[in-house]
PDB file of N, CA and C in Angstrom:
ATOM      1  N   MET A   1       0.664  -1.237  -0.003  1.00  0.00           N
ATOM      2  CA  MET A   1       0.099   0.040  -0.013  1.00  0.00           C
ATOM      3  C   MET A   1       0.776   1.276  -0.082  1.00  0.00           C
ATOM      4  N   VAL A   2       0.520   2.316  -0.872  1.00  0.00           N
ATOM      5  CA  VAL A   2       1.381   3.316  -1.021  1.00  0.00           C
ATOM      6  C   VAL A   2       1.022   4.284  -0.041  1.00  0.00           C
ATOM      7  N   ARG A   3       1.909   5.146   0.695  1.00  0.00           N
ATOM      8  CA  ARG A   3       1.734   6.118   1.689  1.00  0.00           C
ATOM      9  C   ARG A   3       2.453   7.400   1.376  1.00  0.00           C
ATOM     10  N   ILE A   4       1.832   8.413   1.790  1.00  0.00           N
ATOM     11  CA  ILE A   4       2.632   9.912   1.606  1.00  0.00           C
ATOM     12  C   ILE A   4       3.645   9.778   2.420  1.00  0.00           C
ATOM     13  N   LYS A   5       4.912  10.067   2.077  1.00  0.00           N
ATOM     14  CA  LYS A   5       6.072  10.122   2.869  1.00  0.00           C
ATOM     15  C   LYS A   5       6.397  11.348   3.480  1.00  0.00           C
ATOM     16  N   SER A   6       6.202  12.476   2.526  1.00  0.00           N
ATOM     17  CA  SER A   6       6.264  13.958   2.873  1.00  0.00           C
ATOM     18  C   SER A   6       5.530  14.782   2.036  1.00  0.00           C
ATOM     19  N   VAL A   7       5.096  15.963   2.410  1.00  0.00           N
ATOM     20  CA  VAL A   7       4.304  16.955   1.725  1.00  0.00           C
ATOM     21  C   VAL A   7       4.944  18.334   2.086  1.00  0.00           C
ATOM     22  N   GLU A   8       4.993  19.153   0.857  1.00  0.00           N
ATOM     23  CA  GLU A   8       5.439  20.557   0.992  1.00  0.00           C
ATOM     24  C   GLU A   8       4.520  21.465   0.140  1.00  0.00           C
ATOM     25  N   PRO A   9       3.959  22.526   0.881  1.00  0.00           N
ATOM     26  CA  PRO A   9       3.037  23.294  -0.021  1.00  0.00           C
ATOM     27  C   PRO A   9       3.928  24.028  -0.950  1.00  0.00           C
ATOM     28  N   LEU A  10       3.364  24.607  -1.994  1.00  0.00           N
ATOM     29  CA  LEU A  10       4.045  25.199  -3.155  1.00  0.00           C
ATOM     30  C   LEU A  10       3.062  26.469  -3.551  1.00  0.00           C
ATOM     31  N   VAL A  11       3.407  27.404  -4.228  1.00  0.00           N
ATOM     32  CA  VAL A  11       2.452  28.344  -4.817  1.00  0.00           C
ATOM     33  C   VAL A  11       1.444  27.714  -5.647  1.00  0.00           C
ATOM     34  N   GLY A  12       0.202  28.476  -5.825  1.00  0.00           N
ATOM     35  CA  GLY A  12      -0.768  27.906  -6.851  1.00  0.00           C
ATOM     36  C   GLY A  12      -1.603  26.757  -6.337  1.00  0.00           C
ATOM     37  N   TYR A  13      -1.846  26.587  -5.162  1.00  0.00           N
ATOM     38  CA  TYR A  13      -2.466  25.428  -4.569  1.00  0.00           C
ATOM     39  C   TYR A  13      -1.945  24.012  -5.119  1.00  0.00           C
ATOM     40  N   LYS A  14      -0.653  23.929  -5.154  1.00  0.00           N
ATOM     41  CA  LYS A  14       0.347  22.633  -5.415  1.00  0.00           C
ATOM     42  C   LYS A  14       0.910  22.159  -4.197  1.00  0.00           C
ATOM     43  N   LEU A  15       1.192  20.977  -4.189  1.00  0.00           N
ATOM     44  CA  LEU A  15       1.964  20.323  -3.050  1.00  0.00           C
ATOM     45  C   LEU A  15       3.012  19.483  -3.642  1.00  0.00           C
ATOM     46  N   LYS A  16       4.093  19.562  -3.297  1.00  0.00           N
ATOM     47  CA  LYS A  16       5.300  18.580  -3.737  1.00  0.00           C
ATOM     48  C   LYS A  16       5.174  17.342  -2.881  1.00  0.00           C
ATOM     49  N   ILE A  17       5.163  16.326  -3.421  1.00  0.00           N
ATOM     50  CA  ILE A  17       4.953  15.117  -2.895  1.00  0.00           C
ATOM     51  C   ILE A  17       5.848  14.023  -2.838  1.00  0.00           C
ATOM     52  N   GLU A  18       6.245  13.282  -1.738  1.00  0.00           N
ATOM     53  CA  GLU A  18       6.991  12.162  -1.998  1.00  0.00           C
ATOM     54  C   GLU A  18       6.278  10.849  -1.446  1.00  0.00           C
ATOM     55  N   LEU A  19       6.351   9.767  -2.315  1.00  0.00           N
ATOM     56  CA  LEU A  19       5.450   8.685  -1.745  1.00  0.00           C
ATOM     57  C   LEU A  19       6.464   7.594  -1.235  1.00  0.00           C
ATOM     58  N   SER A  20       5.821   6.690  -0.595  1.00  0.00           N
ATOM     59  CA  SER A  20       6.646   5.522  -0.118  1.00  0.00           C
ATOM     60  C   SER A  20       7.245   4.671  -1.087  1.00  0.00           C
ATOM     61  N   ASN A  21       6.746   4.531  -2.351  1.00  0.00           N
ATOM     62  CA  ASN A  21       7.176   3.813  -3.412  1.00  0.00           C
ATOM     63  C   ASN A  21       8.359   4.380  -4.167  1.00  0.00           C
ATOM     64  N   GLY A  22       8.914   5.605  -3.735  1.00  0.00           N
ATOM     65  CA  GLY A  22       9.726   6.402  -4.315  1.00  0.00           C
ATOM     66  C   GLY A  22       9.618   7.299  -5.172  1.00  0.00           C
ATOM     67  N   LYS A  23       8.182   7.341  -5.809  1.00  0.00           N
ATOM     68  CA  LYS A  23       7.743   8.481  -6.749  1.00  0.00           C
ATOM     69  C   LYS A  23       7.765   9.664  -5.945  1.00  0.00           C
ATOM     70  N   LYS A  24       7.969  10.924  -6.812  1.00  0.00           N
ATOM     71  CA  LYS A  24       7.949  12.227  -6.405  1.00  0.00           C
ATOM     72  C   LYS A  24       7.207  13.046  -7.395  1.00  0.00           C
ATOM     73  N   GLY A  25       6.665  14.110  -6.989  1.00  0.00           N
ATOM     74  CA  GLY A  25       6.061  14.998  -8.047  1.00  0.00           C
ATOM     75  C   GLY A  25       5.108  16.076  -7.351  1.00  0.00           C
ATOM     76  N   VAL A  26       4.291  16.643  -8.303  1.00  0.00           N
ATOM     77  CA  VAL A  26       3.558  17.784  -7.660  1.00  0.00           C
ATOM     78  C   VAL A  26       1.999  17.192  -7.857  1.00  0.00           C
ATOM     79  N   PHE A  27       1.361  17.461  -6.908  1.00  0.00           N
ATOM     80  CA  PHE A  27      -0.068  17.249  -6.733  1.00  0.00           C
ATOM     81  C   PHE A  27      -0.860  18.576  -6.744  1.00  0.00           C
ATOM     82  N   ASP A  28      -1.823  18.775  -7.727  1.00  0.00           N
ATOM     83  CA  ASP A  28      -2.449  20.117  -7.873  1.00  0.00           C
ATOM     84  C   ASP A  28      -3.829  19.975  -7.052  1.00  0.00           C
ATOM     85  N   VAL A  29      -4.060  20.843  -6.139  1.00  0.00           N
ATOM     86  CA  VAL A  29      -5.246  20.661  -5.342  1.00  0.00           C
ATOM     87  C   VAL A  29      -6.241  21.831  -5.931  1.00  0.00           C
ATOM     88  N   SER A  30      -5.895  22.579  -6.922  1.00  0.00           N
ATOM     89  CA  SER A  30      -6.762  23.788  -7.299  1.00  0.00           C
ATOM     90  C   SER A  30      -7.974  23.250  -8.002  1.00  0.00           C
ATOM     91  N   PRO A  31      -8.193  21.874  -8.709  1.00  0.00           N
ATOM     92  CA  PRO A  31      -9.307  21.596  -9.209  1.00  0.00           C
ATOM     93  C   PRO A  31     -10.412  21.271  -8.122  1.00  0.00           C
ATOM     94  N   TYR A  32     -10.137  21.168  -6.797  1.00  0.00           N
ATOM     95  CA  TYR A  32     -10.966  20.820  -5.718  1.00  0.00           C
ATOM     96  C   TYR A  32     -11.376  22.027  -4.848  1.00  0.00           C
ATOM     97  N   ILE A  33     -10.592  23.062  -5.183  1.00  0.00           N
ATOM     98  CA  ILE A  33     -10.617  24.129  -4.178  1.00  0.00           C
ATOM     99  C   ILE A  33     -12.047  24.842  -4.025  1.00  0.00           C
ATOM    100  N   ASP A  34     -12.877  24.907  -5.000  1.00  0.00           N
ATOM    101  CA  ASP A  34     -14.286  25.370  -5.094  1.00  0.00           C
ATOM    102  C   ASP A  34     -15.468  24.479  -4.600  1.00  0.00           C
ATOM    103  N   LYS A  35     -14.876  23.201  -4.343  1.00  0.00           N
ATOM    104  CA  LYS A  35     -15.775  22.213  -3.919  1.00  0.00           C
ATOM    105  C   LYS A  35     -16.032  21.861  -2.445  1.00  0.00           C
ATOM    106  N   GLY A  36     -17.153  22.340  -1.953  1.00  0.00           N
ATOM    107  CA  GLY A  36     -17.562  21.805  -0.371  1.00  0.00           C
ATOM    108  C   GLY A  36     -16.595  22.173   0.492  1.00  0.00           C
ATOM    109  N   VAL A  37     -16.140  21.203   1.322  1.00  0.00           N
ATOM    110  CA  VAL A  37     -15.155  21.365   2.426  1.00  0.00           C
ATOM    111  C   VAL A  37     -13.676  21.776   2.116  1.00  0.00           C
ATOM    112  N   PHE A  38     -13.350  21.892   0.747  1.00  0.00           N
ATOM    113  CA  PHE A  38     -12.337  22.294   0.441  1.00  0.00           C
ATOM    114  C   PHE A  38     -12.102  23.782   0.140  1.00  0.00           C
ATOM    115  N   ASN A  39     -13.095  24.522   0.341  1.00  0.00           N
ATOM    116  CA  ASN A  39     -13.266  25.861   0.160  1.00  0.00           C
ATOM    117  C   ASN A  39     -12.413  26.661   1.026  1.00  0.00           C
ATOM    118  N   GLU A  40     -12.105  26.098   2.174  1.00  0.00           N
ATOM    119  CA  GLU A  40     -11.346  26.695   3.461  1.00  0.00           C
ATOM    120  C   GLU A  40      -9.757  26.669   2.907  1.00  0.00           C
ATOM    121  N   LEU A  41      -9.427  25.768   1.775  1.00  0.00           N
ATOM    122  CA  LEU A  41      -8.026  25.524   1.495  1.00  0.00           C
ATOM    123  C   LEU A  41      -7.623  26.952   0.649  1.00  0.00           C
ATOM    124  N   LYS A  42      -8.686  27.801   0.218  1.00  0.00           N
ATOM    125  CA  LYS A  42      -8.230  28.964  -0.551  1.00  0.00           C
ATOM    126  C   LYS A  42      -7.437  30.211   0.352  1.00  0.00           C
ATOM    127  N   GLU A  43      -7.530  29.825   1.730  1.00  0.00           N
ATOM    128  CA  GLU A  43      -6.751  30.908   2.618  1.00  0.00           C
ATOM    129  C   GLU A  43      -5.543  30.182   2.636  1.00  0.00           C
ATOM    130  N   GLN A  44      -4.264  31.015   2.167  1.00  0.00           N
ATOM    131  CA  GLN A  44      -3.117  30.573   1.782  1.00  0.00           C
ATOM    132  C   GLN A  44      -2.351  29.793   3.287  1.00  0.00           C
ATOM    133  N   SER A  45      -2.577  30.580   4.358  1.00  0.00           N
ATOM    134  CA  SER A  45      -1.927  30.139   5.651  1.00  0.00           C
ATOM    135  C   SER A  45      -2.364  28.732   6.129  1.00  0.00           C
ATOM    136  N   TYR A  46      -3.901  28.612   5.828  1.00  0.00           N
ATOM    137  CA  TYR A  46      -4.615  27.213   6.118  1.00  0.00           C
ATOM    138  C   TYR A  46      -3.853  26.223   5.101  1.00  0.00           C
ATOM    139  N   PHE A  47      -3.741  26.544   3.878  1.00  0.00           N
ATOM    140  CA  PHE A  47      -3.331  25.610   2.908  1.00  0.00           C
ATOM    141  C   PHE A  47      -2.021  25.025   3.226  1.00  0.00           C
ATOM    142  N   ARG A  48      -1.129  25.893   3.692  1.00  0.00           N
ATOM    143  CA  ARG A  48       0.173  25.468   4.155  1.00  0.00           C
ATOM    144  C   ARG A  48       0.374  24.579   5.511  1.00  0.00           C
ATOM    145  N   SER A  49      -0.830  24.512   5.949  1.00  0.00           N
ATOM    146  CA  SER A  49      -0.776  23.842   7.239  1.00  0.00           C
ATOM    147  C   SER A  49      -0.854  22.198   6.986  1.00  0.00           C
ATOM    148  N   VAL A  50      -0.907  21.806   5.824  1.00  0.00           N
ATOM    149  CA  VAL A  50      -1.050  20.367   5.217  1.00  0.00           C
ATOM    150  C   VAL A  50       0.139  19.513   5.947  1.00  0.00           C
ATOM    151  N   ARG A  51      -0.237  18.180   6.247  1.00  0.00           N
ATOM    152  CA  ARG A  51       0.534  17.205   6.621  1.00  0.00           C
ATOM    153  C   ARG A  51       0.315  15.910   6.294  1.00  0.00           C
ATOM    154  N   PRO A  52       1.261  14.986   6.220  1.00  0.00           N
ATOM    155  CA  PRO A  52       0.790  13.676   6.093  1.00  0.00           C
ATOM    156  C   PRO A  52       0.077  13.053   7.234  1.00  0.00           C
ATOM    157  N   ALA A  53      -0.770  12.232   7.063  1.00  0.00           N
ATOM    158  CA  ALA A  53      -1.669  11.664   8.111  1.00  0.00           C
ATOM    159  C   ALA A  53      -2.256  10.376   7.499  1.00  0.00           C
ATOM    160  N   PHE A  54      -2.457   9.116   8.117  1.00  0.00           N
ATOM    161  CA  PHE A  54      -3.155   8.089   7.968  1.00  0.00           C
ATOM    162  C   PHE A  54      -2.836   7.634   6.681  1.00  0.00           C
ATOM    163  N   GLY A  55      -1.596   7.833   6.053  1.00  0.00           N
ATOM    164  CA  GLY A  55      -1.263   7.404   4.738  1.00  0.00           C
ATOM    165  C   GLY A  55      -1.438   8.321   3.654  1.00  0.00           C
ATOM    166  N   GLY A  56      -2.426   9.342   3.921  1.00  0.00           N
ATOM    167  CA  GLY A  56      -2.629  10.372   2.777  1.00  0.00           C
ATOM    168  C   GLY A  56      -2.169  11.565   3.328  1.00  0.00           C
ATOM    169  N   ILE A  57      -2.696  12.680   2.862  1.00  0.00           N
ATOM    170  CA  ILE A  57      -2.594  14.167   3.226  1.00  0.00           C
ATOM    171  C   ILE A  57      -3.788  14.665   4.016  1.00  0.00           C
ATOM    172  N   MET A  58      -3.606  15.573   4.930  1.00  0.00           N
ATOM    173  CA  MET A  58      -4.634  16.187   5.722  1.00  0.00           C
ATOM    174  C   MET A  58      -4.303  17.580   6.216  1.00  0.00           C
ATOM    175  N   TRP A  59      -5.425  18.199   6.259  1.00  0.00           N
ATOM    176  CA  TRP A  59      -5.529  19.660   6.971  1.00  0.00           C
ATOM    177  C   TRP A  59      -6.168  19.410   8.295  1.00  0.00           C
ATOM    178  N   PRO A  60      -6.049  20.507   9.171  1.00  0.00           N
ATOM    179  CA  PRO A  60      -6.466  20.562  10.426  1.00  0.00           C
ATOM    180  C   PRO A  60      -7.875  20.379  10.659  1.00  0.00           C
ATOM    181  N   HIS A  61      -8.840  20.707   9.719  1.00  0.00           N
ATOM    182  CA  HIS A  61     -10.148  20.565   9.873  1.00  0.00           C
ATOM    183  C   HIS A  61     -10.666  19.247   9.166  1.00  0.00           C
ATOM    184  N   GLU A  62      -9.814  18.398   8.958  1.00  0.00           N
ATOM    185  CA  GLU A  62      -9.901  17.090   8.288  1.00  0.00           C
ATOM    186  C   GLU A  62     -10.194  16.944   6.782  1.00  0.00           C
ATOM    187  N   GLN A  63     -10.100  18.091   6.048  1.00  0.00           N
ATOM    188  CA  GLN A  63     -10.004  17.830   4.559  1.00  0.00           C
ATOM    189  C   GLN A  63      -8.830  16.933   4.227  1.00  0.00           C
ATOM    190  N   ASP A  64      -8.910  16.136   3.357  1.00  0.00           N
ATOM    191  CA  ASP A  64      -7.934  15.011   3.281  1.00  0.00           C
ATOM    192  C   ASP A  64      -7.994  14.533   1.709  1.00  0.00           C
ATOM    193  N   PHE A  65      -6.934  14.034   1.293  1.00  0.00           N
ATOM    194  CA  PHE A  65      -6.760  13.098   0.226  1.00  0.00           C
ATOM    195  C   PHE A  65      -5.935  11.780   0.584  1.00  0.00           C
ATOM    196  N   SER A  66      -6.624  10.779  -0.276  1.00  0.00           N
ATOM    197  CA  SER A  66      -5.803   9.550   0.085  1.00  0.00           C
ATOM    198  C   SER A  66      -4.568   9.335  -0.681  1.00  0.00           C
ATOM    199  N   ALA A  67      -3.809   8.619  -0.400  1.00  0.00           N
ATOM    200  CA  ALA A  67      -2.426   8.309  -1.178  1.00  0.00           C
ATOM    201  C   ALA A  67      -2.825   7.726  -2.484  1.00  0.00           C
ATOM    202  N   ASP A  68      -3.879   7.050  -2.713  1.00  0.00           N
ATOM    203  CA  ASP A  68      -4.085   6.615  -4.006  1.00  0.00           C
ATOM    204  C   ASP A  68      -4.570   7.703  -5.126  1.00  0.00           C
ATOM    205  N   THR A  69      -5.433   8.808  -4.561  1.00  0.00           N
ATOM    206  CA  THR A  69      -5.838   9.866  -5.272  1.00  0.00           C
ATOM    207  C   THR A  69      -4.696  10.662  -5.544  1.00  0.00           C
ATOM    208  N   VAL A  70      -3.835  10.872  -4.684  1.00  0.00           N
ATOM    209  CA  VAL A  70      -2.531  11.564  -5.007  1.00  0.00           C
ATOM    210  C   VAL A  70      -1.794  10.869  -6.017  1.00  0.00           C
ATOM    211  N   GLU A  71      -1.414   9.741  -5.861  1.00  0.00           N
ATOM    212  CA  GLU A  71      -0.596   8.917  -6.713  1.00  0.00           C
ATOM    213  C   GLU A  71      -1.120   8.927  -8.290  1.00  0.00           C
ATOM    214  N   TYR A  72      -2.510   8.748  -8.390  1.00  0.00           N
ATOM    215  CA  TYR A  72      -3.197   8.849  -9.555  1.00  0.00           C
ATOM    216  C   TYR A  72      -3.062  10.035 -10.355  1.00  0.00           C
ATOM    217  N   GLU A  73      -3.102  11.177  -9.674  1.00  0.00           N
ATOM    218  CA  GLU A  73      -3.075  12.555 -10.159  1.00  0.00           C
ATOM    219  C   GLU A  73      -1.581  13.309 -10.118  1.00  0.00           C
ATOM    220  N   LEU A  74      -0.651  12.547  -9.388  1.00  0.00           N
ATOM    221  CA  LEU A  74       0.709  13.072  -9.310  1.00  0.00           C
ATOM    222  C   LEU A  74       1.309  13.444 -10.681  1.00  0.00           C
ATOM    223  N   GLN A  75       1.804  14.744 -10.899  1.00  0.00           N
ATOM    224  CA  GLN A  75       2.553  14.916 -12.035  1.00  0.00           C
ATOM    225  C   GLN A  75       4.017  14.730 -11.584  1.00  0.00           C
ATOM    226  N   GLU A  76       4.680  13.496 -11.950  1.00  0.00           N
ATOM    227  CA  GLU A  76       5.796  13.034 -11.384  1.00  0.00           C
ATOM    228  C   GLU A  76       7.215  14.167 -11.942  1.00  0.00           C
ATOM    229  N   ILE A  77       8.188  14.118 -11.147  1.00  0.00           N
ATOM    230  CA  ILE A  77       9.294  14.995 -11.410  1.00  0.00           C
ATOM    231  C   ILE A  77      10.425  13.993 -10.920  1.00  0.00           C
ATOM    232  N   SER A  78      11.639  14.199 -11.696  1.00  0.00           N
ATOM    233  CA  SER A  78      12.658  13.346 -11.497  1.00  0.00           C
ATOM    234  C   SER A  78      13.611  13.898 -10.602  1.00  0.00           C
TER     235      SER A  78
END
């Protein structure tokens, strides 16, 4: 099972991600930002509070993405 190893917020609602299987890349959160509970992520200071949790990524008010979703949408970098 793939897990999020590290996450670093970038500009433009993007996250630099490292997965447990060695893949690294950028996950773009912007397609979700206007949807329901993800609205709160528009606030940059809140967006930067992301952290790895339960194998995926999570913010303090429990907005989250699974590692599977992140891996599927990851724009890989070498």
